[in-house]
């Protein structure tokens, strides 16, 4: 197990990540993540996602979505996710995880990704850039709040 993960025991990870995503979503001026060099912000979100999960919301929190078109936001997020998952696959392979032993799960995930891309493309073509930004902020908020609530319940032993 990784040292930070074992130190936190997963109990504070959801609180930290949820708060980070909420701040990055609603108070972008506090962090100014969109001004960071993509390699730096990508390295930070990659490291955090390797330790805690929540890759999608973490990456979306550093994509400068206020002034980009919805296609630019989705495309940049997709490219970043491909790189991060590629690096994770390489890292897990290097530490001895046998990916081929899970081929059914990987196949199902790939099929889900294709179906999600087709559905997402249809939805994306039907909404405006402004509505997309509003929906995106609220989806990120709900995911972050879920992390915070679950971590809080875990801390309180509920």
C-alpha atoms as a PDB file:
ATOM      1  CA  UNK A   1       0.000   0.000   0.000  1.00  0.00           C
ATOM      2  CA  UNK A   2       1.210   3.501  -0.730  1.00  0.00           C
ATOM      3  CA  UNK A   3       2.458   5.456   2.309  1.00  0.00           C
ATOM      4  CA  UNK A   4       0.047   8.406   2.007  1.00  0.00           C
ATOM      5  CA  UNK A   5      -2.927   6.132   1.497  1.00  0.00           C
ATOM      6  CA  UNK A   6      -1.995   4.031   4.524  1.00  0.00           C
ATOM      7  CA  UNK A   7      -1.376   7.177   6.568  1.00  0.00           C
ATOM      8  CA  UNK A   8      -4.751   8.619   5.698  1.00  0.00           C
ATOM      9  CA  UNK A   9      -6.463   5.255   5.781  1.00  0.00           C
ATOM     10  CA  UNK A  10      -8.875   6.598   3.187  1.00  0.00           C
ATOM     11  CA  UNK A  11     -10.736   8.488   5.891  1.00  0.00           C
ATOM     12  CA  UNK A  12      -9.561  11.971   5.012  1.00  0.00           C
ATOM     13  CA  UNK A  13      -9.106  11.404   1.291  1.00  0.00           C
ATOM     14  CA  UNK A  14     -12.770  11.999   0.448  1.00  0.00           C
ATOM     15  CA  UNK A  15     -12.871  15.149   2.555  1.00  0.00           C
ATOM     16  CA  UNK A  16      -9.702  16.495   0.940  1.00  0.00           C
ATOM     17  CA  UNK A  17     -10.693  15.625  -2.608  1.00  0.00           C
ATOM     18  CA  UNK A  18     -14.264  16.795  -2.205  1.00  0.00           C
ATOM     19  CA  UNK A  19     -13.135  20.147  -0.801  1.00  0.00           C
ATOM     20  CA  UNK A  20     -10.499  20.498  -3.533  1.00  0.00           C
ATOM     21  CA  UNK A  21     -13.053  19.837  -6.280  1.00  0.00           C
ATOM     22  CA  UNK A  22     -15.581  22.242  -4.741  1.00  0.00           C
ATOM     23  CA  UNK A  23     -12.983  25.004  -4.490  1.00  0.00           C
ATOM     24  CA  UNK A  24     -11.689  24.325  -8.003  1.00  0.00           C
ATOM     25  CA  UNK A  25     -15.248  24.345  -9.365  1.00  0.00           C
ATOM     26  CA  UNK A  26     -16.752  27.333  -7.566  1.00  0.00           C
ATOM     27  CA  UNK A  27     -13.713  29.419  -6.568  1.00  0.00           C
ATOM     28  CA  UNK A  28     -11.385  28.999  -9.528  1.00  0.00           C
ATOM     29  CA  UNK A  29      -9.772  32.354  -8.751  1.00  0.00           C
ATOM     30  CA  UNK A  30      -8.499  30.991  -5.422  1.00  0.00           C
ATOM     31  CA  UNK A  31      -6.417  28.233  -6.999  1.00  0.00           C
ATOM     32  CA  UNK A  32      -5.888  29.570 -10.522  1.00  0.00           C
ATOM     33  CA  UNK A  33      -5.310  26.002 -11.671  1.00  0.00           C
ATOM     34  CA  UNK A  34      -6.171  26.923 -15.245  1.00  0.00           C
ATOM     35  CA  UNK A  35      -3.047  29.120 -15.320  1.00  0.00           C
ATOM     36  CA  UNK A  36      -0.732  26.289 -14.330  1.00  0.00           C
ATOM     37  CA  UNK A  37       1.281  24.607 -17.044  1.00  0.00           C
ATOM     38  CA  UNK A  38      -0.718  21.565 -18.219  1.00  0.00           C
ATOM     39  CA  UNK A  39       2.207  19.251 -17.448  1.00  0.00           C
ATOM     40  CA  UNK A  40       2.281  20.466 -13.835  1.00  0.00           C
ATOM     41  CA  UNK A  41      -1.474  20.357 -13.240  1.00  0.00           C
ATOM     42  CA  UNK A  42      -1.588  17.000 -15.030  1.00  0.00           C
ATOM     43  CA  UNK A  43       1.169  15.602 -12.831  1.00  0.00           C
ATOM     44  CA  UNK A  44      -0.621  16.771  -9.683  1.00  0.00           C
ATOM     45  CA  UNK A  45      -4.000  15.347 -10.684  1.00  0.00           C
ATOM     46  CA  UNK A  46      -2.347  12.122 -11.855  1.00  0.00           C
ATOM     47  CA  UNK A  47      -0.565  11.677  -8.533  1.00  0.00           C
ATOM     48  CA  UNK A  48      -3.697  12.450  -6.549  1.00  0.00           C
ATOM     49  CA  UNK A  49      -5.808  10.108  -8.636  1.00  0.00           C
ATOM     50  CA  UNK A  50      -3.258   7.301  -8.216  1.00  0.00           C
ATOM     51  CA  UNK A  51      -3.536   7.705  -4.457  1.00  0.00           C
ATOM     52  CA  UNK A  52      -7.228   8.460  -4.011  1.00  0.00           C
ATOM     53  CA  UNK A  53      -9.171   7.740  -7.188  1.00  0.00           C
ATOM     54  CA  UNK A  54     -11.751  10.253  -8.434  1.00  0.00           C
ATOM     55  CA  UNK A  55      -9.783  10.806 -11.624  1.00  0.00           C
ATOM     56  CA  UNK A  56     -12.556  12.426 -13.672  1.00  0.00           C
ATOM     57  CA  UNK A  57     -13.570  15.193 -11.265  1.00  0.00           C
ATOM     58  CA  UNK A  58      -9.929  15.902 -10.419  1.00  0.00           C
ATOM     59  CA  UNK A  59      -8.966  16.359 -14.051  1.00  0.00           C
ATOM     60  CA  UNK A  60     -12.068  18.422 -14.799  1.00  0.00           C
ATOM     61  CA  UNK A  61     -11.135  20.750 -11.951  1.00  0.00           C
ATOM     62  CA  UNK A  62      -8.001  21.880 -13.824  1.00  0.00           C
ATOM     63  CA  UNK A  63      -9.571  22.194 -17.291  1.00  0.00           C
ATOM     64  CA  UNK A  64     -10.233  25.900 -17.977  1.00  0.00           C
ATOM     65  CA  UNK A  65     -13.885  25.418 -18.874  1.00  0.00           C
ATOM     66  CA  UNK A  66     -15.162  28.970 -18.389  1.00  0.00           C
ATOM     67  CA  UNK A  67     -14.045  30.294 -21.767  1.00  0.00           C
ATOM     68  CA  UNK A  68     -13.767  27.125 -23.836  1.00  0.00           C
ATOM     69  CA  UNK A  69     -16.440  25.598 -26.014  1.00  0.00           C
ATOM     70  CA  UNK A  70     -18.113  22.477 -24.689  1.00  0.00           C
ATOM     71  CA  UNK A  71     -16.315  20.427 -27.353  1.00  0.00           C
ATOM     72  CA  UNK A  72     -12.930  21.796 -26.200  1.00  0.00           C
ATOM     73  CA  UNK A  73     -13.701  20.974 -22.567  1.00  0.00           C
ATOM     74  CA  UNK A  74     -14.890  17.444 -23.331  1.00  0.00           C
ATOM     75  CA  UNK A  75     -12.058  16.781 -25.790  1.00  0.00           C
ATOM     76  CA  UNK A  76      -9.363  18.049 -23.420  1.00  0.00           C
ATOM     77  CA  UNK A  77     -10.829  16.055 -20.555  1.00  0.00           C
ATOM     78  CA  UNK A  78     -10.978  12.923 -22.703  1.00  0.00           C
ATOM     79  CA  UNK A  79      -7.367  13.314 -23.821  1.00  0.00           C
ATOM     80  CA  UNK A  80      -6.188  13.888 -20.251  1.00  0.00           C
ATOM     81  CA  UNK A  81      -8.128  10.870 -19.020  1.00  0.00           C
ATOM     82  CA  UNK A  82      -6.606   8.713 -21.770  1.00  0.00           C
ATOM     83  CA  UNK A  83      -3.097   9.754 -20.757  1.00  0.00           C
ATOM     84  CA  UNK A  84      -3.767   9.272 -17.041  1.00  0.00           C
ATOM     85  CA  UNK A  85      -5.341   5.860 -17.491  1.00  0.00           C
ATOM     86  CA  UNK A  86      -2.501   4.896 -19.807  1.00  0.00           C
ATOM     87  CA  UNK A  87       0.036   5.848 -17.148  1.00  0.00           C
ATOM     88  CA  UNK A  88      -1.951   3.979 -14.496  1.00  0.00           C
ATOM     89  CA  UNK A  89      -2.053   0.880 -16.694  1.00  0.00           C
ATOM     90  CA  UNK A  90       1.704   1.089 -17.152  1.00  0.00           C
ATOM     91  CA  UNK A  91       2.300   1.659 -13.427  1.00  0.00           C
ATOM     92  CA  UNK A  92       0.095  -1.232 -12.339  1.00  0.00           C
ATOM     93  CA  UNK A  93       1.717  -3.455 -14.955  1.00  0.00           C
ATOM     94  CA  UNK A  94       5.171  -2.558 -13.668  1.00  0.00           C
ATOM     95  CA  UNK A  95       4.259  -3.487 -10.098  1.00  0.00           C
ATOM     96  CA  UNK A  96       3.040  -6.880 -11.245  1.00  0.00           C
ATOM     97  CA  UNK A  97      -0.716  -6.535 -11.701  1.00  0.00           C
ATOM     98  CA  UNK A  98      -1.867  -9.010 -14.347  1.00  0.00           C
ATOM     99  CA  UNK A  99      -4.157  -7.035 -16.621  1.00  0.00           C
ATOM    100  CA  UNK A 100      -4.961  -9.990 -18.871  1.00  0.00           C
ATOM    101  CA  UNK A 101      -6.436 -11.833 -15.897  1.00  0.00           C
ATOM    102  CA  UNK A 102      -9.175  -9.173 -15.875  1.00  0.00           C
ATOM    103  CA  UNK A 103      -9.880  -9.112 -19.603  1.00  0.00           C
ATOM    104  CA  UNK A 104     -13.668  -9.482 -19.149  1.00  0.00           C
ATOM    105  CA  UNK A 105     -13.841  -6.443 -16.887  1.00  0.00           C
ATOM    106  CA  UNK A 106     -11.582  -4.445 -19.202  1.00  0.00           C
ATOM    107  CA  UNK A 107     -13.728  -5.403 -22.198  1.00  0.00           C
ATOM    108  CA  UNK A 108     -16.899  -4.350 -20.351  1.00  0.00           C
ATOM    109  CA  UNK A 109     -15.274  -1.028 -19.407  1.00  0.00           C
ATOM    110  CA  UNK A 110     -14.224  -0.426 -23.015  1.00  0.00           C
ATOM    111  CA  UNK A 111     -17.745  -1.175 -24.237  1.00  0.00           C
ATOM    112  CA  UNK A 112     -19.138   1.195 -21.622  1.00  0.00           C
ATOM    113  CA  UNK A 113     -16.712   3.896 -22.719  1.00  0.00           C
ATOM    114  CA  UNK A 114     -17.796   3.552 -26.351  1.00  0.00           C
ATOM    115  CA  UNK A 115     -21.486   3.648 -25.395  1.00  0.00           C
ATOM    116  CA  UNK A 116     -20.856   6.636 -23.113  1.00  0.00           C
ATOM    117  CA  UNK A 117     -19.058   8.483 -25.908  1.00  0.00           C
ATOM    118  CA  UNK A 118     -21.931   7.892 -28.332  1.00  0.00           C
ATOM    119  CA  UNK A 119     -24.555   8.992 -25.795  1.00  0.00           C
ATOM    120  CA  UNK A 120     -22.422  11.931 -24.651  1.00  0.00           C
ATOM    121  CA  UNK A 121     -21.951  13.151 -28.203  1.00  0.00           C
ATOM    122  CA  UNK A 122     -25.728  13.130 -28.752  1.00  0.00           C
ATOM    123  CA  UNK A 123     -26.413  15.007 -25.523  1.00  0.00           C
ATOM    124  CA  UNK A 124     -23.593  17.470 -26.141  1.00  0.00           C
ATOM    125  CA  UNK A 125     -24.957  18.371 -29.573  1.00  0.00           C
ATOM    126  CA  UNK A 126     -28.332  19.282 -28.075  1.00  0.00           C
ATOM    127  CA  UNK A 127     -27.285  21.716 -25.312  1.00  0.00           C
ATOM    128  CA  UNK A 128     -25.740  25.166 -25.444  1.00  0.00           C
ATOM    129  CA  UNK A 129     -22.256  25.992 -24.180  1.00  0.00           C
ATOM    130  CA  UNK A 130     -23.781  27.991 -21.310  1.00  0.00           C
ATOM    131  CA  UNK A 131     -26.099  25.170 -20.220  1.00  0.00           C
ATOM    132  CA  UNK A 132     -23.189  22.724 -20.491  1.00  0.00           C
ATOM    133  CA  UNK A 133     -21.106  24.820 -18.065  1.00  0.00           C
ATOM    134  CA  UNK A 134     -23.974  25.025 -15.574  1.00  0.00           C
ATOM    135  CA  UNK A 135     -24.660  21.279 -15.750  1.00  0.00           C
ATOM    136  CA  UNK A 136     -20.939  20.505 -15.494  1.00  0.00           C
ATOM    137  CA  UNK A 137     -20.535  22.630 -12.356  1.00  0.00           C
ATOM    138  CA  UNK A 138     -23.478  20.952 -10.682  1.00  0.00           C
ATOM    139  CA  UNK A 139     -22.406  17.435 -11.623  1.00  0.00           C
ATOM    140  CA  UNK A 140     -18.943  18.134 -10.197  1.00  0.00           C
ATOM    141  CA  UNK A 141     -20.548  19.640  -7.088  1.00  0.00           C
ATOM    142  CA  UNK A 142     -22.765  16.600  -6.524  1.00  0.00           C
ATOM    143  CA  UNK A 143     -19.834  14.207  -6.982  1.00  0.00           C
ATOM    144  CA  UNK A 144     -17.678  16.244  -4.591  1.00  0.00           C
ATOM    145  CA  UNK A 145     -20.456  16.453  -2.008  1.00  0.00           C
ATOM    146  CA  UNK A 146     -20.940  12.686  -2.246  1.00  0.00           C
ATOM    147  CA  UNK A 147     -17.232  12.223  -1.478  1.00  0.00           C
ATOM    148  CA  UNK A 148     -17.441  14.571   1.499  1.00  0.00           C
ATOM    149  CA  UNK A 149     -20.575  12.926   2.897  1.00  0.00           C
ATOM    150  CA  UNK A 150     -19.237   9.376   2.520  1.00  0.00           C
ATOM    151  CA  UNK A 151     -15.903  10.346   4.091  1.00  0.00           C
ATOM    152  CA  UNK A 152     -17.709  12.109   6.947  1.00  0.00           C
ATOM    153  CA  UNK A 153     -19.879   9.088   7.617  1.00  0.00           C
ATOM    154  CA  UNK A 154     -16.768   6.909   7.601  1.00  0.00           C
ATOM    155  CA  UNK A 155     -15.003   9.225  10.067  1.00  0.00           C
ATOM    156  CA  UNK A 156     -17.970   9.245  12.406  1.00  0.00           C
ATOM    157  CA  UNK A 157     -18.344   5.481  12.176  1.00  0.00           C
ATOM    158  CA  UNK A 158     -21.856   5.588  10.743  1.00  0.00           C
END
